[in-house]
Amino acid sequence: MHFSIPDTQELKDNHGGTYVGYNIHINGAYHCTVRYRQLHSFNEQLKREYGSTYLPHFPPKKLLPLSPPQLEERRVLLEKYIQMLERRLQNFEAPFLSQKAADSSHCIVIRKSYWDPGYDEDILSNKIALNLLYVQAMSDVEQGWVIANKQTKRQLATLQSKGSKQEYLQLVRTLRHYGYIQFEPCICNYPEPNTQVVISIGGKEINFRIPASNNQVKEGSFRITRIRCWRIITSNTNNQEENSSQHLLELSFEYLLSKDKLQWITVKSDQAVLMSVCLQGMVEELLSKRNGLKFKKQSEQGSRHCSWSYMKRDGSSYEISVSRSSSSEGIVDNEEDYSRRLNKSRDHVRKEKFSSYFVKPSGRSSSGSLSPESLMENDVFEGIGDDDL
């Protein structure tokens, strides 16, 4: 998920005093507003539970009121803090609930969560993993996500008819765009404004395919290590003919085209959040490989119960009972909590839709409309030397 704190707001407490609220956005949408001391309390509980060694830096307390520059610095540091926290999917965040909260046109898709095809070798001996990779590869070939000529497609069809899964995967892994995710056609500002493009992400790159004349396709790639940062914003475009407005998601990334030349590339797509998640996944994988790490092994500890304290904005708090196991490490809800969360999620999708994106905006999009901006820094960004030109 894409976490950000694009802006703040000044709020009043029950005693007439004022305090700063930090607006947390998840996947480009407003989620909640919290005070600094709420996040500080959360960080202290994490330190007691896991130790400070494994936690990102948390901005320290200040004795005196913050000046505007100090407030902005704290906002940036808090944003980096929540972006660097890693955790398992909680029980109340199950994809099943997301599907139930959405309309019937949505479905759940299961794909592998790594990008380096070399990792396939570590799991092909497992029958279940082999089947999942095989089904995903067949689907990608059928949809045209994997690029193959007619002869190769015939070979793959023959192997599929024989049920030769290992041989099928060995062949398909040699093809271009194996393991890539292809997105719906969208609009970008490169190489020129309003360019129609088909984007595929994988293999340490963002691949652009642009339709040209005579049924030709122009193709270009943006390397992940040349992306300095990226952001997700929303723009509000007016449709004069229908007298209505349309909310558009935009993914913008700052790319090092050549030495000392950075340029923002903007893509307008309903799948901008998924694109951002893919970029973040590839960056984390590259960092893990640099540090010599492989797949994270699941903890072998058994189930245990503990409690966490949730601090409200007014300073009061209450205890949350938590059950953590090696399989879920999540909050266990009873049947009543499950129904309440599901109904609340449905109401949010039905009533709020995209309106929550526009809570106290802080910047302007390329279309000129106001929208919050949140930067994701790329920790594998590399400069271009003279030898690269």
Protein backbone atom coordinates (compact mmCIF):
# COMPACT_ATOMS: atom_id res chain seq x y z
CA MET A 1 0.00 0.00 0.00
CA HIS A 2 1.10 3.57 -0.68
CA PHE A 3 1.20 5.64 2.52
CA SER A 4 1.66 9.41 2.57
CA ILE A 5 1.09 12.53 4.68
CA PRO A 6 0.67 15.17 1.97
CA ASP A 7 -0.53 17.96 4.26
CA THR A 8 -1.58 19.07 7.74
CA GLN A 9 -4.44 21.02 9.23
CA GLU A 10 -5.00 23.07 12.37
CA LEU A 11 -7.71 21.68 14.64
CA LYS A 12 -9.31 22.66 17.95
CA ASP A 13 -9.59 20.47 21.01
CA ASN A 14 -12.45 20.34 23.52
CA HIS A 15 -10.86 23.07 25.64
CA GLY A 16 -10.57 25.61 22.83
CA GLY A 17 -6.88 25.06 22.23
CA THR A 18 -5.37 24.28 18.84
CA TYR A 19 -3.16 21.46 17.61
CA VAL A 20 -1.78 20.18 14.30
CA GLY A 21 -3.42 17.21 12.60
CA TYR A 22 -1.51 15.11 10.07
CA ASN A 23 -3.66 13.86 7.17
CA ILE A 24 -2.73 10.27 6.34
CA HIS A 25 -3.50 9.06 2.81
CA ILE A 26 -3.48 5.41 1.73
CA ASN A 27 -3.26 4.62 -1.98
CA GLY A 28 -3.91 8.25 -2.86
CA ALA A 29 -7.10 8.51 -0.76
CA TYR A 30 -7.59 10.33 2.54
CA HIS A 31 -7.69 7.81 5.40
CA CYS A 32 -7.58 9.66 8.71
CA THR A 33 -6.13 12.62 10.64
CA VAL A 34 -3.90 11.97 13.65
CA ARG A 35 -1.90 14.02 16.13
CA TYR A 36 1.83 13.71 16.59
CA ARG A 37 1.38 12.23 20.07
CA GLN A 38 -0.82 9.46 18.67
CA LEU A 39 1.94 8.35 16.32
CA HIS A 40 4.50 8.81 19.10
CA SER A 41 2.47 6.51 21.37
CA PHE A 42 2.26 3.95 18.56
CA ASN A 43 6.03 4.12 18.05
CA GLU A 44 6.71 3.63 21.78
CA GLN A 45 4.55 0.48 21.79
CA LEU A 46 6.40 -0.85 18.74
CA LYS A 47 9.72 -0.23 20.51
CA ARG A 48 8.55 -2.17 23.57
CA GLU A 49 7.32 -5.03 21.39
CA TYR A 50 10.13 -5.33 18.82
CA GLY A 51 12.97 -3.13 20.04
CA SER A 52 14.21 0.12 18.51
CA THR A 53 16.82 -1.61 16.32
CA TYR A 54 14.27 -2.74 13.75
CA LEU A 55 12.23 0.47 13.62
CA PRO A 56 12.75 3.47 11.32
CA HIS A 57 13.72 6.83 12.80
CA PHE A 58 10.86 8.64 14.53
CA PRO A 59 11.02 12.47 14.77
CA PRO A 60 11.72 13.45 18.41
CA LYS A 61 9.55 15.59 20.65
CA LYS A 62 10.14 19.34 20.85
CA LEU A 63 9.78 21.46 23.98
CA LEU A 64 8.73 24.65 22.20
CA PRO A 65 5.98 25.16 19.58
CA LEU A 66 7.12 24.36 16.05
CA SER A 67 7.78 27.05 13.50
CA PRO A 68 6.34 26.53 9.97
CA PRO A 69 9.67 25.13 8.63
CA GLN A 70 9.96 22.78 11.63
CA LEU A 71 6.35 21.67 11.15
CA GLU A 72 7.05 20.85 7.50
CA GLU A 73 10.18 18.94 8.49
CA ARG A 74 8.18 16.89 11.01
CA ARG A 75 5.52 16.15 8.38
CA VAL A 76 8.19 14.84 5.98
CA LEU A 77 9.84 12.72 8.69
CA LEU A 78 6.51 11.25 9.81
CA GLU A 79 5.67 10.42 6.20
CA LYS A 80 8.97 8.59 5.76
CA TYR A 81 8.33 6.77 9.04
CA ILE A 82 4.97 5.32 8.02
CA GLN A 83 6.32 4.48 4.55
CA MET A 84 9.18 2.43 6.00
CA LEU A 85 7.07 0.35 8.40
CA GLU A 86 6.58 -3.21 7.20
CA ARG A 87 3.94 -5.59 8.45
CA ARG A 88 1.80 -8.52 7.42
CA LEU A 89 -1.70 -8.10 6.03
CA GLN A 90 -4.15 -7.87 8.91
CA ASN A 91 -7.25 -10.04 9.17
CA PHE A 92 -9.54 -7.04 8.67
CA GLU A 93 -7.64 -6.12 5.49
CA ALA A 94 -8.40 -9.41 3.76
CA PRO A 95 -8.94 -9.16 -0.02
CA PHE A 96 -12.29 -10.86 0.53
CA LEU A 97 -13.53 -7.79 2.45
CA SER A 98 -12.28 -5.46 -0.26
CA GLN A 99 -14.18 -7.42 -2.87
CA LYS A 100 -17.35 -7.44 -0.78
CA ALA A 101 -17.12 -3.68 -0.31
CA ALA A 102 -16.77 -3.14 -4.07
CA ASP A 103 -19.26 -3.93 -6.82
CA SER A 104 -19.63 -7.29 -8.55
CA SER A 105 -17.36 -6.31 -11.46
CA HIS A 106 -14.26 -6.71 -9.25
CA CYS A 107 -12.37 -9.94 -8.71
CA ILE A 108 -9.39 -11.17 -6.70
CA VAL A 109 -6.23 -11.96 -8.67
CA ILE A 110 -3.39 -13.99 -7.16
CA ARG A 111 0.09 -13.36 -8.58
CA LYS A 112 3.61 -13.94 -7.35
CA SER A 113 4.95 -11.02 -5.32
CA TYR A 114 8.55 -10.96 -6.57
CA TRP A 115 10.05 -9.59 -9.78
CA ASP A 116 13.32 -11.44 -10.36
CA PRO A 117 12.51 -14.58 -12.42
CA GLY A 118 15.60 -16.20 -10.92
CA TYR A 119 13.63 -16.70 -7.72
CA ASP A 120 11.47 -19.23 -9.59
CA GLU A 121 14.21 -21.81 -9.15
CA ASP A 122 13.82 -21.66 -5.37
CA ILE A 123 10.16 -22.71 -5.41
CA LEU A 124 9.63 -24.84 -8.53
CA SER A 125 10.20 -27.99 -6.50
CA ASN A 126 7.03 -27.20 -4.57
CA LYS A 127 3.99 -28.60 -6.35
CA ILE A 128 1.62 -25.81 -5.27
CA ALA A 129 4.08 -23.07 -6.26
CA LEU A 130 4.67 -24.78 -9.61
CA ASN A 131 0.93 -24.81 -10.34
CA LEU A 132 0.53 -21.15 -9.42
CA LEU A 133 3.45 -20.08 -11.63
CA TYR A 134 2.14 -22.24 -14.46
CA VAL A 135 -1.38 -20.79 -14.29
CA GLN A 136 -0.04 -17.23 -14.14
CA ALA A 137 2.28 -17.83 -17.10
CA MET A 138 -0.54 -19.31 -19.22
CA SER A 139 -2.79 -16.34 -18.40
CA ASP A 140 -0.07 -13.83 -19.30
CA VAL A 141 0.56 -15.57 -22.64
CA GLU A 142 -3.15 -15.69 -23.49
CA GLN A 143 -3.58 -11.99 -22.67
CA GLY A 144 -0.55 -11.02 -24.72
CA TRP A 145 1.39 -9.73 -21.73
CA VAL A 146 4.30 -12.01 -22.63
CA ILE A 147 5.72 -11.25 -26.08
CA ALA A 148 6.04 -14.37 -28.25
CA ASN A 149 6.05 -15.05 -32.00
CA LYS A 150 3.69 -17.52 -33.68
CA GLN A 151 6.15 -20.41 -33.62
CA THR A 152 6.82 -20.02 -29.90
CA LYS A 153 3.10 -19.79 -29.20
CA ARG A 154 2.60 -23.10 -31.01
CA GLN A 155 5.34 -24.71 -28.93
CA LEU A 156 3.73 -23.40 -25.75
CA ALA A 157 0.32 -24.70 -26.84
CA THR A 158 1.82 -28.15 -27.46
CA LEU A 159 3.43 -28.23 -24.02
CA GLN A 160 0.20 -27.05 -22.45
CA SER A 161 -1.81 -29.82 -24.15
CA LYS A 162 0.67 -32.39 -22.82
CA GLY A 163 0.52 -30.93 -19.30
CA SER A 164 4.29 -30.37 -19.34
CA LYS A 165 4.37 -27.63 -16.74
CA GLN A 166 8.11 -27.60 -16.07
CA GLU A 167 8.96 -27.45 -19.78
CA TYR A 168 6.30 -24.79 -20.36
CA LEU A 169 7.78 -22.58 -17.66
CA GLN A 170 11.33 -23.14 -18.89
CA LEU A 171 10.33 -21.85 -22.33
CA VAL A 172 8.10 -18.98 -21.25
CA ARG A 173 10.75 -17.67 -18.86
CA THR A 174 13.02 -16.97 -21.83
CA LEU A 175 10.47 -14.63 -23.42
CA ARG A 176 10.28 -10.86 -23.16
CA HIS A 177 8.04 -9.42 -20.45
CA TYR A 178 7.78 -12.68 -18.54
CA GLY A 179 6.57 -11.79 -15.05
CA TYR A 180 5.60 -8.26 -16.10
CA ILE A 181 2.26 -6.69 -15.25
CA GLN A 182 0.56 -4.97 -18.18
CA PHE A 183 -1.90 -2.15 -17.53
CA GLU A 184 -4.87 -0.80 -19.41
CA PRO A 185 -4.09 1.77 -22.16
CA CYS A 186 -3.62 5.20 -20.67
CA ILE A 187 -2.35 8.73 -21.36
CA CYS A 188 1.11 10.14 -20.63
CA ASN A 189 3.03 13.37 -21.29
CA TYR A 190 6.04 11.64 -22.88
CA PRO A 191 7.39 11.98 -25.48
CA GLU A 192 4.68 14.61 -25.97
CA PRO A 193 1.44 15.59 -24.17
CA ASN A 194 -1.64 13.33 -24.48
CA THR A 195 0.34 10.37 -25.83
CA GLN A 196 -1.56 7.07 -25.81
CA VAL A 197 0.58 4.36 -24.26
CA VAL A 198 0.44 0.77 -23.01
CA ILE A 199 2.57 0.32 -19.89
CA SER A 200 4.16 -2.87 -18.60
CA ILE A 201 6.14 -3.01 -15.36
CA GLY A 202 8.73 -5.66 -14.51
CA GLY A 203 12.33 -6.65 -15.05
CA LYS A 204 13.67 -3.50 -13.30
CA GLU A 205 11.93 -1.21 -15.78
CA ILE A 206 8.76 0.59 -16.83
CA ASN A 207 8.11 -0.29 -20.46
CA PHE A 208 6.20 2.08 -22.74
CA ARG A 209 4.61 0.91 -25.99
CA ILE A 210 3.21 3.70 -28.17
CA PRO A 211 1.08 2.94 -31.25
CA ALA A 212 2.53 4.42 -34.46
CA SER A 213 1.47 4.52 -38.08
CA ASN A 214 1.25 1.39 -40.29
CA ASN A 215 0.42 -0.82 -37.28
CA GLN A 216 3.90 -0.23 -35.88
CA VAL A 217 4.69 0.22 -32.21
CA LYS A 218 7.35 2.47 -30.73
CA GLU A 219 8.87 1.10 -27.57
CA GLY A 220 10.92 2.63 -24.77
CA SER A 221 11.94 1.73 -21.25
CA PHE A 222 12.58 3.64 -18.04
CA ARG A 223 15.00 1.87 -15.71
CA ILE A 224 13.99 1.69 -12.05
CA THR A 225 17.45 2.77 -10.92
CA ARG A 226 17.11 6.01 -12.92
CA ILE A 227 13.86 7.03 -11.20
CA ARG A 228 14.72 9.48 -8.41
CA CYS A 229 11.24 9.58 -6.85
CA TRP A 230 7.57 9.26 -7.72
CA ARG A 231 4.20 10.44 -6.45
CA ILE A 232 0.48 9.78 -6.83
CA ILE A 233 -1.85 12.75 -7.17
CA THR A 234 -5.44 13.31 -8.18
CA SER A 235 -6.70 15.87 -10.66
CA ASN A 236 -10.19 17.16 -11.19
CA THR A 237 -11.07 17.80 -14.85
CA ASN A 238 -14.32 19.46 -15.89
CA ASN A 239 -16.47 18.01 -18.65
CA GLN A 240 -18.20 21.06 -20.13
CA GLU A 241 -20.44 19.01 -22.41
CA GLU A 242 -21.86 16.92 -19.55
CA ASN A 243 -21.49 19.74 -17.00
CA SER A 244 -19.69 17.40 -14.61
CA SER A 245 -16.24 16.77 -13.21
CA GLN A 246 -14.07 13.66 -13.42
CA HIS A 247 -11.46 12.55 -10.89
CA LEU A 248 -8.26 11.20 -12.44
CA LEU A 249 -5.36 9.43 -10.76
CA GLU A 250 -1.87 10.36 -11.91
CA LEU A 251 1.45 8.63 -11.35
CA SER A 252 4.41 10.96 -11.89
CA PHE A 253 8.05 9.90 -11.65
CA GLU A 254 11.19 12.00 -11.93
CA TYR A 255 13.54 10.30 -14.39
CA LEU A 256 17.22 10.90 -15.09
CA LEU A 257 17.17 11.11 -18.88
CA SER A 258 20.84 12.05 -19.14
CA LYS A 259 23.57 13.48 -16.97
CA ASP A 260 22.23 16.51 -15.05
CA LYS A 261 18.82 16.25 -16.76
CA LEU A 262 15.83 15.17 -14.69
CA GLN A 263 12.32 15.19 -16.16
CA TRP A 264 8.91 14.43 -14.69
CA ILE A 265 6.98 11.76 -16.61
CA THR A 266 3.25 11.76 -15.83
CA VAL A 267 0.84 8.91 -16.50
CA LYS A 268 -2.93 9.34 -16.14
CA SER A 269 -4.49 6.00 -15.25
CA ASP A 270 -7.09 4.50 -12.93
CA GLN A 271 -4.40 1.94 -12.09
CA ALA A 272 -1.87 4.51 -10.86
CA VAL A 273 -1.91 3.10 -7.32
CA LEU A 274 -1.11 -0.41 -8.57
CA MET A 275 1.73 1.01 -10.65
CA SER A 276 3.14 2.68 -7.55
CA VAL A 277 2.86 -0.55 -5.57
CA CYS A 278 4.77 -2.38 -8.32
CA LEU A 279 7.53 0.24 -8.29
CA GLN A 280 7.83 0.02 -4.52
CA GLY A 281 8.00 -3.78 -4.68
CA MET A 282 10.83 -3.71 -7.22
CA VAL A 283 12.78 -1.14 -5.20
CA GLU A 284 12.47 -3.22 -2.03
CA GLU A 285 13.56 -6.35 -3.90
CA LEU A 286 16.62 -4.61 -5.35
CA LEU A 287 17.58 -3.35 -1.88
CA SER A 288 17.20 -6.85 -0.43
CA LYS A 289 19.42 -8.31 -3.14
CA ARG A 290 22.06 -5.65 -2.52
CA ASN A 291 22.09 -6.63 1.15
CA GLY A 292 22.38 -10.31 0.27
CA LEU A 293 18.90 -11.19 1.53
CA LYS A 294 16.58 -13.75 -0.04
CA PHE A 295 12.97 -14.61 0.71
CA LYS A 296 11.84 -13.67 4.20
CA LYS A 297 11.07 -16.75 6.22
CA GLN A 298 7.91 -16.86 8.23
CA SER A 299 8.35 -16.75 11.97
CA GLU A 300 8.17 -20.14 13.66
CA GLN A 301 6.81 -18.76 16.90
CA GLY A 302 3.45 -20.03 18.03
CA SER A 303 0.37 -18.02 18.84
CA ARG A 304 0.50 -15.51 21.65
CA HIS A 305 -1.76 -12.79 22.98
CA CYS A 306 -0.89 -9.23 23.85
CA SER A 307 -2.61 -5.88 24.11
CA TRP A 308 -2.01 -2.53 22.46
CA SER A 309 -3.16 0.88 23.59
CA TYR A 310 -4.94 3.10 21.05
CA MET A 311 -4.63 6.79 21.88
CA LYS A 312 -7.41 9.09 20.72
CA ARG A 313 -6.83 12.67 19.64
CA ASP A 314 -8.09 14.00 23.00
CA GLY A 315 -5.41 11.98 24.81
CA SER A 316 -7.69 9.25 26.16
CA SER A 317 -6.96 5.66 25.23
CA TYR A 318 -8.33 2.15 25.32
CA GLU A 319 -6.85 -1.34 25.06
CA ILE A 320 -7.00 -3.47 21.89
CA SER A 321 -6.72 -7.23 22.36
CA VAL A 322 -4.40 -8.80 19.78
CA SER A 323 -3.67 -12.41 18.87
CA ARG A 324 -0.50 -12.92 16.85
CA SER A 325 0.52 -16.15 15.14
CA SER A 326 3.11 -17.22 12.60
CA SER A 327 0.45 -17.40 9.92
CA SER A 328 -1.34 -14.09 10.29
CA GLU A 329 0.24 -11.77 12.89
CA GLY A 330 -3.00 -9.85 12.71
CA ILE A 331 -5.86 -8.63 14.84
CA VAL A 332 -8.47 -11.31 15.42
CA ASP A 333 -12.01 -9.97 15.20
CA ASN A 334 -15.14 -11.70 16.36
CA GLU A 335 -18.18 -12.13 14.14
CA GLU A 336 -19.78 -8.88 15.32
CA ASP A 337 -16.61 -6.89 14.57
CA TYR A 338 -16.37 -8.55 11.16
CA SER A 339 -19.91 -7.46 10.19
CA ARG A 340 -19.35 -3.96 11.53
CA ARG A 341 -16.13 -3.49 9.57
CA LEU A 342 -17.66 -4.88 6.39
CA ASN A 343 -20.70 -2.60 6.59
CA LYS A 344 -18.52 0.41 7.37
CA SER A 345 -16.31 -0.39 4.39
CA ARG A 346 -19.33 -0.71 2.13
CA ASP A 347 -20.69 2.63 3.33
CA HIS A 348 -17.36 4.29 2.67
CA VAL A 349 -17.20 3.02 -0.90
CA ARG A 350 -20.84 3.85 -1.55
CA LYS A 351 -20.93 7.36 -0.03
CA GLU A 352 -17.40 8.73 -0.19
CA LYS A 353 -15.98 7.29 -3.41
CA PHE A 354 -13.24 9.72 -4.49
CA SER A 355 -14.44 12.78 -2.58
CA SER A 356 -12.03 12.05 0.27
CA TYR A 357 -9.11 12.63 -2.09
CA PHE A 358 -9.69 16.36 -1.92
CA VAL A 359 -9.36 17.03 1.81
CA LYS A 360 -7.29 20.19 2.29
CA PRO A 361 -5.24 19.94 -0.93
CA SER A 362 -1.69 21.28 -0.97
CA GLY A 363 -0.57 21.45 -4.59
CA ARG A 364 -1.65 21.73 -8.19
CA SER A 365 -1.67 18.98 -10.74
CA SER A 366 -0.59 19.33 -14.34
CA SER A 367 -4.18 20.08 -15.31
CA GLY A 368 -4.25 23.07 -13.00
CA SER A 369 -6.60 21.65 -10.36
CA LEU A 370 -5.71 21.37 -6.72
CA SER A 371 -4.57 18.00 -5.39
CA PRO A 372 -2.29 16.63 -2.63
CA GLU A 373 1.20 15.52 -3.57
CA SER A 374 3.18 12.78 -1.84
CA LEU A 375 6.68 11.77 -2.85
CA MET A 376 8.10 8.27 -2.63
CA GLU A 377 11.89 8.39 -2.65
CA ASN A 378 13.77 5.71 -4.58
CA ASP A 379 16.52 4.16 -2.45
CA VAL A 380 18.12 2.44 -5.46
CA PHE A 381 18.42 5.60 -7.55
CA GLU A 382 21.78 5.78 -9.36
CA GLY A 383 23.35 8.73 -11.11
CA ILE A 384 24.67 8.59 -14.67
CA GLY A 385 28.41 8.87 -15.15
CA ASP A 386 30.31 9.98 -18.22
CA ASP A 387 30.78 6.37 -19.28
CA ASP A 388 27.01 5.89 -19.47
CA LEU A 389 26.48 8.60 -22.08
